[in-house]
PDB file of N, CA and C in Angstrom:
ATOM      1  N   UNK A   1     105.405 122.784 125.605  1.00  0.00           N
ATOM      2  CA  UNK A   1     106.097 122.050 124.565  1.00  0.00           C
ATOM      3  C   UNK A   1     105.197 122.012 123.340  1.00  0.00           C
ATOM      4  N   UNK A   2     105.762 122.217 122.192  1.00  0.00           N
ATOM      5  CA  UNK A   2     104.980 122.172 120.959  1.00  0.00           C
ATOM      6  C   UNK A   2     105.254 120.860 120.246  1.00  0.00           C
ATOM      7  N   UNK A   3     104.220 120.316 119.680  1.00  0.00           N
ATOM      8  CA  UNK A   3     104.333 119.105 118.880  1.00  0.00           C
ATOM      9  C   UNK A   3     103.351 119.242 117.728  1.00  0.00           C
ATOM     10  N   UNK A   4     103.347 118.299 116.812  1.00  0.00           N
ATOM     11  CA  UNK A   4     102.449 118.375 115.663  1.00  0.00           C
ATOM     12  C   UNK A   4     101.361 117.331 115.774  1.00  0.00           C
ATOM     13  N   UNK A   5     100.196 117.673 115.222  1.00  0.00           N
ATOM     14  CA  UNK A   5      99.069 116.761 115.167  1.00  0.00           C
ATOM     15  C   UNK A   5      98.447 116.902 113.800  1.00  0.00           C
ATOM     16  N   UNK A   6      98.121 115.794 113.158  1.00  0.00           N
ATOM     17  CA  UNK A   6      97.419 115.864 111.881  1.00  0.00           C
ATOM     18  C   UNK A   6      96.325 114.824 111.883  1.00  0.00           C
ATOM     19  N   UNK A   7      95.269 115.113 111.131  1.00  0.00           N
ATOM     20  CA  UNK A   7      94.150 114.182 111.046  1.00  0.00           C
ATOM     21  C   UNK A   7      93.503 114.269 109.679  1.00  0.00           C
ATOM     22  N   UNK A   8      92.954 113.136 109.245  1.00  0.00           N
ATOM     23  CA  UNK A   8      92.173 113.059 108.003  1.00  0.00           C
ATOM     24  C   UNK A   8      92.872 113.702 106.815  1.00  0.00           C
ATOM     25  N   UNK A   9      94.138 113.387 106.637  1.00  0.00           N
ATOM     26  CA  UNK A   9      94.926 113.892 105.501  1.00  0.00           C
ATOM     27  C   UNK A   9      94.996 115.407 105.446  1.00  0.00           C
ATOM     28  N   UNK A  10      94.746 116.069 106.553  1.00  0.00           N
ATOM     29  CA  UNK A  10      94.890 117.522 106.621  1.00  0.00           C
ATOM     30  C   UNK A  10      96.332 117.832 106.993  1.00  0.00           C
ATOM     31  N   UNK A  11      96.780 119.050 106.712  1.00  0.00           N
ATOM     32  CA  UNK A  11      98.158 119.398 107.082  1.00  0.00           C
ATOM     33  C   UNK A  11      98.349 119.336 108.591  1.00  0.00           C
ATOM     34  N   UNK A  12      99.581 119.129 108.997  1.00  0.00           N
ATOM     35  CA  UNK A  12      99.889 119.106 110.421  1.00  0.00           C
ATOM     36  C   UNK A  12      99.557 120.451 111.043  1.00  0.00           C
ATOM     37  N   UNK A  13      99.108 120.396 112.272  1.00  0.00           N
ATOM     38  CA  UNK A  13      98.853 121.629 113.002  1.00  0.00           C
ATOM     39  C   UNK A  13      99.586 121.559 114.334  1.00  0.00           C
ATOM     40  N   UNK A  14     100.082 122.692 114.803  1.00  0.00           N
ATOM     41  CA  UNK A  14     100.818 122.662 116.065  1.00  0.00           C
ATOM     42  C   UNK A  14      99.888 122.363 117.231  1.00  0.00           C
ATOM     43  N   UNK A  15     100.393 121.594 118.157  1.00  0.00           N
ATOM     44  CA  UNK A  15      99.657 121.269 119.370  1.00  0.00           C
ATOM     45  C   UNK A  15     100.561 121.667 120.526  1.00  0.00           C
ATOM     46  N   UNK A  16     100.148 122.662 121.264  1.00  0.00           N
ATOM     47  CA  UNK A  16     100.966 123.166 122.357  1.00  0.00           C
ATOM     48  C   UNK A  16     100.504 122.521 123.661  1.00  0.00           C
ATOM     49  N   UNK A  17     101.361 121.635 124.189  1.00  0.00           N
ATOM     50  CA  UNK A  17     101.032 120.952 125.441  1.00  0.00           C
ATOM     51  C   UNK A  17     102.254 120.976 126.359  1.00  0.00           C
ATOM     52  N   UNK A  18     102.004 120.776 127.613  1.00  0.00           N
ATOM     53  CA  UNK A  18     103.088 120.804 128.591  1.00  0.00           C
ATOM     54  C   UNK A  18     103.950 119.545 128.477  1.00  0.00           C
ATOM     55  N   UNK A  19     105.142 119.649 129.002  1.00  0.00           N
ATOM     56  CA  UNK A  19     106.035 118.488 129.031  1.00  0.00           C
ATOM     57  C   UNK A  19     105.416 117.364 129.850  1.00  0.00           C
ATOM     58  N   UNK A  20     104.694 117.715 130.911  1.00  0.00           N
ATOM     59  CA  UNK A  20     104.017 116.696 131.721  1.00  0.00           C
ATOM     60  C   UNK A  20     102.980 115.935 130.907  1.00  0.00           C
ATOM     61  N   UNK A  21     102.254 116.645 130.036  1.00  0.00           N
ATOM     62  CA  UNK A  21     101.232 115.998 129.198  1.00  0.00           C
ATOM     63  C   UNK A  21     101.894 115.088 128.160  1.00  0.00           C
ATOM     64  N   UNK A  22     103.026 115.518 127.602  1.00  0.00           N
ATOM     65  CA  UNK A  22     103.762 114.670 126.658  1.00  0.00           C
ATOM     66  C   UNK A  22     104.207 113.387 127.365  1.00  0.00           C
ATOM     67  N   UNK A  23     104.731 113.529 128.572  1.00  0.00           N
ATOM     68  CA  UNK A  23     105.157 112.362 129.338  1.00  0.00           C
ATOM     69  C   UNK A  23     103.975 111.450 129.649  1.00  0.00           C
ATOM     70  N   UNK A  24     102.832 112.036 129.979  1.00  0.00           N
ATOM     71  CA  UNK A  24     101.619 111.251 130.245  1.00  0.00           C
ATOM     72  C   UNK A  24     101.209 110.455 129.006  1.00  0.00           C
ATOM     73  N   UNK A  25     101.232 111.102 127.837  1.00  0.00           N
ATOM     74  CA  UNK A  25     100.872 110.410 126.598  1.00  0.00           C
ATOM     75  C   UNK A  25     101.867 109.296 126.268  1.00  0.00           C
ATOM     76  N   UNK A  26     103.157 109.569 126.454  1.00  0.00           N
ATOM     77  CA  UNK A  26     104.158 108.526 126.211  1.00  0.00           C
ATOM     78  C   UNK A  26     103.935 107.330 127.129  1.00  0.00           C
ATOM     79  N   UNK A  27     103.609 107.600 128.384  1.00  0.00           N
ATOM     80  CA  UNK A  27     103.315 106.513 129.312  1.00  0.00           C
ATOM     81  C   UNK A  27     102.081 105.734 128.866  1.00  0.00           C
ATOM     82  N   UNK A  28     101.084 106.441 128.303  1.00  0.00           N
ATOM     83  CA  UNK A  28      99.900 105.767 127.760  1.00  0.00           C
ATOM     84  C   UNK A  28     100.290 104.819 126.627  1.00  0.00           C
ATOM     85  N   UNK A  29     101.166 105.288 125.732  1.00  0.00           N
ATOM     86  CA  UNK A  29     101.617 104.448 124.627  1.00  0.00           C
ATOM     87  C   UNK A  29     102.331 103.199 125.146  1.00  0.00           C
ATOM     88  N   UNK A  30     103.210 103.385 126.110  1.00  0.00           N
ATOM     89  CA  UNK A  30     103.937 102.235 126.668  1.00  0.00           C
ATOM     90  C   UNK A  30     103.011 101.299 127.428  1.00  0.00           C
ATOM     91  N   UNK A  31     102.033 101.834 128.145  1.00  0.00           N
ATOM     92  CA  UNK A  31     101.124 101.007 128.948  1.00  0.00           C
ATOM     93  C   UNK A  31     100.329 100.020 128.092  1.00  0.00           C
ATOM     94  N   UNK A  32     100.011 100.412 126.861  1.00  0.00           N
ATOM     95  CA  UNK A  32      99.226  99.524 125.994  1.00  0.00           C
ATOM     96  C   UNK A  32     100.113  98.728 125.033  1.00  0.00           C
ATOM     97  N   UNK A  33     101.432  98.816 125.221  1.00  0.00           N
ATOM     98  CA  UNK A  33     102.388  98.112 124.355  1.00  0.00           C
ATOM     99  C   UNK A  33     102.204  98.526 122.889  1.00  0.00           C
ATOM    100  N   UNK A  34     102.048  99.835 122.679  1.00  0.00           N
ATOM    101  CA  UNK A  34     101.803 100.403 121.351  1.00  0.00           C
ATOM    102  C   UNK A  34     102.831  99.937 120.324  1.00  0.00           C
ATOM    103  N   UNK A  35     104.081  99.851 120.735  1.00  0.00           N
ATOM    104  CA  UNK A  35     105.151  99.545 119.789  1.00  0.00           C
ATOM    105  C   UNK A  35     105.155  98.084 119.354  1.00  0.00           C
ATOM    106  N   UNK A  36     104.327  97.262 119.987  1.00  0.00           N
ATOM    107  CA  UNK A  36     104.214  95.850 119.627  1.00  0.00           C
ATOM    108  C   UNK A  36     102.920  95.541 118.856  1.00  0.00           C
ATOM    109  N   UNK A  37     102.044  96.509 118.737  1.00  0.00           N
ATOM    110  CA  UNK A  37     100.744  96.319 118.083  1.00  0.00           C
ATOM    111  C   UNK A  37     100.930  96.268 116.571  1.00  0.00           C
ATOM    112  N   UNK A  38     100.138  95.458 115.911  1.00  0.00           N
ATOM    113  CA  UNK A  38     100.171  95.401 114.441  1.00  0.00           C
ATOM    114  C   UNK A  38      99.902  96.786 113.862  1.00  0.00           C
ATOM    115  N   UNK A  39     100.477  97.060 112.696  1.00  0.00           N
ATOM    116  CA  UNK A  39     100.361  98.387 112.098  1.00  0.00           C
ATOM    117  C   UNK A  39      98.962  98.702 111.576  1.00  0.00           C
ATOM    118  N   UNK A  40      98.206  97.690 111.221  1.00  0.00           N
ATOM    119  CA  UNK A  40      96.880  97.954 110.678  1.00  0.00           C
ATOM    120  C   UNK A  40      95.888  96.894 111.124  1.00  0.00           C
ATOM    121  N   UNK A  41      94.656  97.309 111.260  1.00  0.00           N
ATOM    122  CA  UNK A  41      93.581  96.385 111.593  1.00  0.00           C
ATOM    123  C   UNK A  41      92.565  96.357 110.449  1.00  0.00           C
ATOM    124  N   UNK A  42      93.032  96.716 109.243  1.00  0.00           N
ATOM    125  CA  UNK A  42      92.152  96.666 108.078  1.00  0.00           C
ATOM    126  C   UNK A  42      92.143  95.283 107.451  1.00  0.00           C
ATOM    127  N   UNK A  43      93.032  94.415 107.898  1.00  0.00           N
ATOM    128  CA  UNK A  43      93.065  93.047 107.400  1.00  0.00           C
ATOM    129  C   UNK A  43      92.409  92.159 108.446  1.00  0.00           C
ATOM    130  N   UNK A  44      91.348  91.490 108.053  1.00  0.00           N
ATOM    131  CA  UNK A  44      90.619  90.603 108.956  1.00  0.00           C
ATOM    132  C   UNK A  44      90.923  89.167 108.584  1.00  0.00           C
ATOM    133  N   UNK A  45      91.376  88.380 109.548  1.00  0.00           N
ATOM    134  CA  UNK A  45      91.656  86.968 109.317  1.00  0.00           C
ATOM    135  C   UNK A  45      90.602  86.144 110.034  1.00  0.00           C
ATOM    136  N   UNK A  46      90.169  85.098 109.360  1.00  0.00           N
ATOM    137  CA  UNK A  46      89.137  84.239 109.921  1.00  0.00           C
ATOM    138  C   UNK A  46      89.513  82.787 109.616  1.00  0.00           C
ATOM    139  N   UNK A  47      89.465  81.946 110.644  1.00  0.00           N
ATOM    140  CA  UNK A  47      89.736  80.526 110.469  1.00  0.00           C
ATOM    141  C   UNK A  47      88.400  79.826 110.249  1.00  0.00           C
ATOM    142  N   UNK A  48      88.341  78.988 109.196  1.00  0.00           N
ATOM    143  CA  UNK A  48      87.090  78.316 108.854  1.00  0.00           C
ATOM    144  C   UNK A  48      87.326  76.816 108.689  1.00  0.00           C
ATOM    145  N   UNK A  49      86.333  76.047 109.040  1.00  0.00           N
ATOM    146  CA  UNK A  49      86.342  74.604 108.816  1.00  0.00           C
ATOM    147  C   UNK A  49      85.472  74.336 107.595  1.00  0.00           C
ATOM    148  N   UNK A  50      86.089  73.843 106.534  1.00  0.00           N
ATOM    149  CA  UNK A  50      85.352  73.551 105.305  1.00  0.00           C
ATOM    150  C   UNK A  50      84.535  72.272 105.462  1.00  0.00           C
ATOM    151  N   UNK A  51      83.622  72.057 104.518  1.00  0.00           N
ATOM    152  CA  UNK A  51      82.782  70.855 104.537  1.00  0.00           C
ATOM    153  C   UNK A  51      83.597  69.569 104.468  1.00  0.00           C
ATOM    154  N   UNK A  52      84.765  69.647 103.811  1.00  0.00           N
ATOM    155  CA  UNK A  52      85.610  68.451 103.695  1.00  0.00           C
ATOM    156  C   UNK A  52      86.558  68.302 104.898  1.00  0.00           C
ATOM    157  N   UNK A  53      86.251  69.009 106.010  1.00  0.00           N
ATOM    158  CA  UNK A  53      86.983  68.912 107.281  1.00  0.00           C
ATOM    159  C   UNK A  53      88.390  69.483 107.238  1.00  0.00           C
ATOM    160  N   UNK A  54      88.669  70.339 106.267  1.00  0.00           N
ATOM    161  CA  UNK A  54      89.969  70.998 106.189  1.00  0.00           C
ATOM    162  C   UNK A  54      89.825  72.403 106.782  1.00  0.00           C
ATOM    163  N   UNK A  55      90.768  72.754 107.632  1.00  0.00           N
ATOM    164  CA  UNK A  55      90.776  74.081 108.248  1.00  0.00           C
ATOM    165  C   UNK A  55      91.536  75.032 107.326  1.00  0.00           C
ATOM    166  N   UNK A  56      90.929  76.162 107.020  1.00  0.00           N
ATOM    167  CA  UNK A  56      91.574  77.161 106.168  1.00  0.00           C
ATOM    168  C   UNK A  56      91.502  78.527 106.840  1.00  0.00           C
ATOM    169  N   UNK A  57      92.317  79.420 106.352  1.00  0.00           N
ATOM    170  CA  UNK A  57      92.303  80.799 106.825  1.00  0.00           C
ATOM    171  C   UNK A  57      91.858  81.691 105.676  1.00  0.00           C
ATOM    172  N   UNK A  58      90.881  82.522 105.948  1.00  0.00           N
ATOM    173  CA  UNK A  58      90.394  83.472 104.959  1.00  0.00           C
ATOM    174  C   UNK A  58      90.878  84.856 105.387  1.00  0.00           C
ATOM    175  N   UNK A  59      91.486  85.580 104.462  1.00  0.00           N
ATOM    176  CA  UNK A  59      91.992  86.911 104.747  1.00  0.00           C
ATOM    177  C   UNK A  59      91.211  87.905 103.886  1.00  0.00           C
ATOM    178  N   UNK A  60      90.598  88.897 104.559  1.00  0.00           N
ATOM    179  CA  UNK A  60      89.846  89.925 103.843  1.00  0.00           C
ATOM    180  C   UNK A  60      90.457  91.278 104.165  1.00  0.00           C
ATOM    181  N   UNK A  61      90.606  92.103 103.152  1.00  0.00           N
ATOM    182  CA  UNK A  61      91.092  93.467 103.354  1.00  0.00           C
ATOM    183  C   UNK A  61      89.900  94.404 103.359  1.00  0.00           C
ATOM    184  N   UNK A  62      89.746  95.114 104.462  1.00  0.00           N
ATOM    185  CA  UNK A  62      88.629  96.044 104.640  1.00  0.00           C
ATOM    186  C   UNK A  62      89.132  97.451 104.333  1.00  0.00           C
ATOM    187  N   UNK A  63      89.195  97.813 103.067  1.00  0.00           N
ATOM    188  CA  UNK A  63      89.826  99.086 102.699  1.00  0.00           C
ATOM    189  C   UNK A  63      88.924 100.301 102.839  1.00  0.00           C
ATOM    190  N   UNK A  64      87.623 100.132 102.820  1.00  0.00           N
ATOM    191  CA  UNK A  64      86.730 101.284 102.852  1.00  0.00           C
ATOM    192  C   UNK A  64      86.200 101.604 104.249  1.00  0.00           C
ATOM    193  N   UNK A  65      86.766 100.985 105.251  1.00  0.00           N
ATOM    194  CA  UNK A  65      86.281 101.207 106.607  1.00  0.00           C
ATOM    195  C   UNK A  65      86.762 102.555 107.141  1.00  0.00           C
ATOM    196  N   UNK A  66      85.974 103.130 108.042  1.00  0.00           N
ATOM    197  CA  UNK A  66      86.353 104.359 108.696  1.00  0.00           C
ATOM    198  C   UNK A  66      87.578 104.092 109.562  1.00  0.00           C
ATOM    199  N   UNK A  67      88.626 104.868 109.385  1.00  0.00           N
ATOM    200  CA  UNK A  67      89.839 104.607 110.146  1.00  0.00           C
ATOM    201  C   UNK A  67      90.539 105.906 110.520  1.00  0.00           C
ATOM    202  N   UNK A  68      91.418 105.783 111.491  1.00  0.00           N
ATOM    203  CA  UNK A  68      92.285 106.876 111.908  1.00  0.00           C
ATOM    204  C   UNK A  68      93.680 106.286 112.021  1.00  0.00           C
ATOM    205  N   UNK A  69      94.665 107.112 111.795  1.00  0.00           N
ATOM    206  CA  UNK A  69      96.044 106.645 111.865  1.00  0.00           C
ATOM    207  C   UNK A  69      96.751 107.458 112.936  1.00  0.00           C
ATOM    208  N   UNK A  70      97.376 106.771 113.870  1.00  0.00           N
ATOM    209  CA  UNK A  70      98.111 107.443 114.924  1.00  0.00           C
ATOM    210  C   UNK A  70      99.573 107.044 114.812  1.00  0.00           C
ATOM    211  N   UNK A  71     100.441 108.041 114.854  1.00  0.00           N
ATOM    212  CA  UNK A  71     101.877 107.795 114.737  1.00  0.00           C
ATOM    213  C   UNK A  71     102.596 108.473 115.886  1.00  0.00           C
ATOM    214  N   UNK A  72     103.656 107.856 116.306  1.00  0.00           N
ATOM    215  CA  UNK A  72     104.537 108.477 117.277  1.00  0.00           C
ATOM    216  C   UNK A  72     105.935 108.399 116.702  1.00  0.00           C
ATOM    217  N   UNK A  73     106.653 109.521 116.762  1.00  0.00           N
ATOM    218  CA  UNK A  73     108.014 109.548 116.254  1.00  0.00           C
ATOM    219  C   UNK A  73     108.927 110.038 117.360  1.00  0.00           C
ATOM    220  N   UNK A  74     109.910 109.225 117.664  1.00  0.00           N
ATOM    221  CA  UNK A  74     110.926 109.546 118.663  1.00  0.00           C
ATOM    222  C   UNK A  74     112.263 109.542 117.948  1.00  0.00           C
ATOM    223  N   UNK A  75     112.767 110.729 117.699  1.00  0.00           N
ATOM    224  CA  UNK A  75     113.965 110.916 116.880  1.00  0.00           C
ATOM    225  C   UNK A  75     113.774 110.286 115.515  1.00  0.00           C
ATOM    226  N   UNK A  76     114.585 109.295 115.149  1.00  0.00           N
ATOM    227  CA  UNK A  76     114.449 108.716 113.806  1.00  0.00           C
ATOM    228  C   UNK A  76     113.481 107.533 113.765  1.00  0.00           C
ATOM    229  N   UNK A  77     113.023 107.067 114.926  1.00  0.00           N
ATOM    230  CA  UNK A  77     112.104 105.920 114.961  1.00  0.00           C
ATOM    231  C   UNK A  77     110.665 106.408 114.855  1.00  0.00           C
ATOM    232  N   UNK A  78     109.895 105.788 113.963  1.00  0.00           N
ATOM    233  CA  UNK A  78     108.493 106.165 113.787  1.00  0.00           C
ATOM    234  C   UNK A  78     107.635 104.907 113.748  1.00  0.00           C
ATOM    235  N   UNK A  79     106.551 104.924 114.508  1.00  0.00           N
ATOM    236  CA  UNK A  79     105.615 103.789 114.548  1.00  0.00           C
ATOM    237  C   UNK A  79     104.217 104.334 114.334  1.00  0.00           C
ATOM    238  N   UNK A  80     103.482 103.731 113.401  1.00  0.00           N
ATOM    239  CA  UNK A  80     102.114 104.133 113.108  1.00  0.00           C
ATOM    240  C   UNK A  80     101.188 102.935 113.231  1.00  0.00           C
ATOM    241  N   UNK A  81      99.978 103.195 113.696  1.00  0.00           N
ATOM    242  CA  UNK A  81      98.949 102.167 113.779  1.00  0.00           C
ATOM    243  C   UNK A  81      97.674 102.754 113.194  1.00  0.00           C
ATOM    244  N   UNK A  82      97.023 102.004 112.319  1.00  0.00           N
ATOM    245  CA  UNK A  82      95.742 102.431 111.763  1.00  0.00           C
ATOM    246  C   UNK A  82      94.641 101.834 112.626  1.00  0.00           C
ATOM    247  N   UNK A  83      93.821 102.715 113.210  1.00  0.00           N
ATOM    248  CA  UNK A  83      92.711 102.311 114.073  1.00  0.00           C
ATOM    249  C   UNK A  83      91.467 102.192 113.194  1.00  0.00           C
ATOM    250  N   UNK A  84      90.893 101.008 113.128  1.00  0.00           N
ATOM    251  CA  UNK A  84      89.739 100.747 112.284  1.00  0.00           C
ATOM    252  C   UNK A  84      88.567 100.357 113.171  1.00  0.00           C
ATOM    253  N   UNK A  85      87.472 101.083 113.014  1.00  0.00           N
ATOM    254  CA  UNK A  85      86.263 100.771 113.769  1.00  0.00           C
ATOM    255  C   UNK A  85      86.571 100.704 115.268  1.00  0.00           C
ATOM    256  N   UNK A  86      87.371 101.692 115.723  1.00  0.00           N
ATOM    257  CA  UNK A  86      87.789 101.820 117.125  1.00  0.00           C
ATOM    258  C   UNK A  86      88.530 100.595 117.659  1.00  0.00           C
ATOM    259  N   UNK A  87      89.215  99.864 116.783  1.00  0.00           N
ATOM    260  CA  UNK A  87      90.031  98.724 117.212  1.00  0.00           C
ATOM    261  C   UNK A  87      91.464  98.954 116.778  1.00  0.00           C
ATOM    262  N   UNK A  88      92.439  98.724 117.587  1.00  0.00           N
ATOM    263  CA  UNK A  88      92.336  98.257 118.955  1.00  0.00           C
ATOM    264  C   UNK A  88      91.818  99.368 119.874  1.00  0.00           C
ATOM    265  N   UNK A  89      90.989  99.000 120.817  1.00  0.00           N
ATOM    266  CA  UNK A  89      90.306  99.957 121.679  1.00  0.00           C
ATOM    267  C   UNK A  89      91.267 100.839 122.459  1.00  0.00           C
ATOM    268  N   UNK A  90      92.329 100.268 123.003  1.00  0.00           N
ATOM    269  CA  UNK A  90      93.273 101.060 123.797  1.00  0.00           C
ATOM    270  C   UNK A  90      93.906 102.172 122.969  1.00  0.00           C
ATOM    271  N   UNK A  91      94.212 101.904 121.699  1.00  0.00           N
ATOM    272  CA  UNK A  91      94.782 102.928 120.823  1.00  0.00           C
ATOM    273  C   UNK A  91      93.718 103.969 120.485  1.00  0.00           C
ATOM    274  N   UNK A  92      92.486 103.530 120.239  1.00  0.00           N
ATOM    275  CA  UNK A  92      91.390 104.465 119.957  1.00  0.00           C
ATOM    276  C   UNK A  92      91.181 105.419 121.130  1.00  0.00           C
ATOM    277  N   UNK A  93      91.383 104.935 122.351  1.00  0.00           N
ATOM    278  CA  UNK A  93      91.236 105.787 123.526  1.00  0.00           C
ATOM    279  C   UNK A  93      92.330 106.853 123.580  1.00  0.00           C
ATOM    280  N   UNK A  94      93.542 106.508 123.167  1.00  0.00           N
ATOM    281  CA  UNK A  94      94.615 107.508 123.110  1.00  0.00           C
ATOM    282  C   UNK A  94      94.305 108.541 122.039  1.00  0.00           C
ATOM    283  N   UNK A  95      93.780 108.102 120.893  1.00  0.00           N
ATOM    284  CA  UNK A  95      93.394 109.047 119.832  1.00  0.00           C
ATOM    285  C   UNK A  95      92.365 110.034 120.378  1.00  0.00           C
ATOM    286  N   UNK A  96      91.374 109.533 121.089  1.00  0.00           N
ATOM    287  CA  UNK A  96      90.342 110.412 121.670  1.00  0.00           C
ATOM    288  C   UNK A  96      90.955 111.389 122.660  1.00  0.00           C
ATOM    289  N   UNK A  97      91.888 110.914 123.447  1.00  0.00           N
ATOM    290  CA  UNK A  97      92.558 111.778 124.428  1.00  0.00           C
ATOM    291  C   UNK A  97      93.304 112.917 123.729  1.00  0.00           C
ATOM    292  N   UNK A  98      93.999 112.583 122.650  1.00  0.00           N
ATOM    293  CA  UNK A  98      94.733 113.607 121.894  1.00  0.00           C
ATOM    294  C   UNK A  98      93.756 114.580 121.246  1.00  0.00           C
ATOM    295  N   UNK A  99      92.654 114.073 120.700  1.00  0.00           N
ATOM    296  CA  UNK A  99      91.657 114.946 120.074  1.00  0.00           C
ATOM    297  C   UNK A  99      91.061 115.932 121.081  1.00  0.00           C
ATOM    298  N   UNK A 100      90.905 115.528 122.346  1.00  0.00           N
ATOM    299  CA  UNK A 100      90.372 116.453 123.352  1.00  0.00           C
ATOM    300  C   UNK A 100      91.363 117.573 123.641  1.00  0.00           C
ATOM    301  N   UNK A 101      92.654 117.318 123.448  1.00  0.00           N
ATOM    302  CA  UNK A 101      93.648 118.364 123.653  1.00  0.00           C
ATOM    303  C   UNK A 101      93.528 119.467 122.601  1.00  0.00           C
ATOM    304  N   UNK A 102      92.925 119.150 121.474  1.00  0.00           N
ATOM    305  CA  UNK A 102      92.754 120.128 120.393  1.00  0.00           C
ATOM    306  C   UNK A 102      91.573 121.054 120.616  1.00  0.00           C
ATOM    307  N   UNK A 103      90.645 120.632 121.452  1.00  0.00           N
ATOM    308  CA  UNK A 103      89.438 121.439 121.668  1.00  0.00           C
ATOM    309  C   UNK A 103      89.795 122.695 122.436  1.00  0.00           C
ATOM    310  N   UNK A 104      89.226 123.829 122.016  1.00  0.00           N
ATOM    311  CA  UNK A 104      89.537 125.084 122.700  1.00  0.00           C
ATOM    312  C   UNK A 104      89.031 125.049 124.138  1.00  0.00           C
ATOM    313  N   UNK A 105      89.845 125.602 125.013  1.00  0.00           N
ATOM    314  CA  UNK A 105      89.451 125.654 126.418  1.00  0.00           C
ATOM    315  C   UNK A 105      88.585 126.891 126.661  1.00  0.00           C
ATOM    316  N   UNK A 106      87.511 126.738 127.487  1.00  0.00           N
ATOM    317  CA  UNK A 106      86.607 127.882 127.718  1.00  0.00           C
ATOM    318  C   UNK A 106      87.256 128.969 128.542  1.00  0.00           C
TER     319      UNK A 106
END
């Protein structure tokens, strides 16, 4: 089965994998509840207690962090998650698994 893979804003490249491998990857996505995960981890939220005893939330956008974006498209539905600093870990592990499929076999 052929599918597409792209990384680091490079053009898509064909990835030829078996139907069994596609099913394995889909099961990996479902196992980690990929479709329920937030789309990005570049926004960091922190709850702080101020000196005047008021609890506040500080939101910081980490735009320059090293990140990867993984997307899955099933017909017209598309879901993407940006993995920042290998978080969420389960998604980063799927990215690594897909990247190993790109390596030439000896």
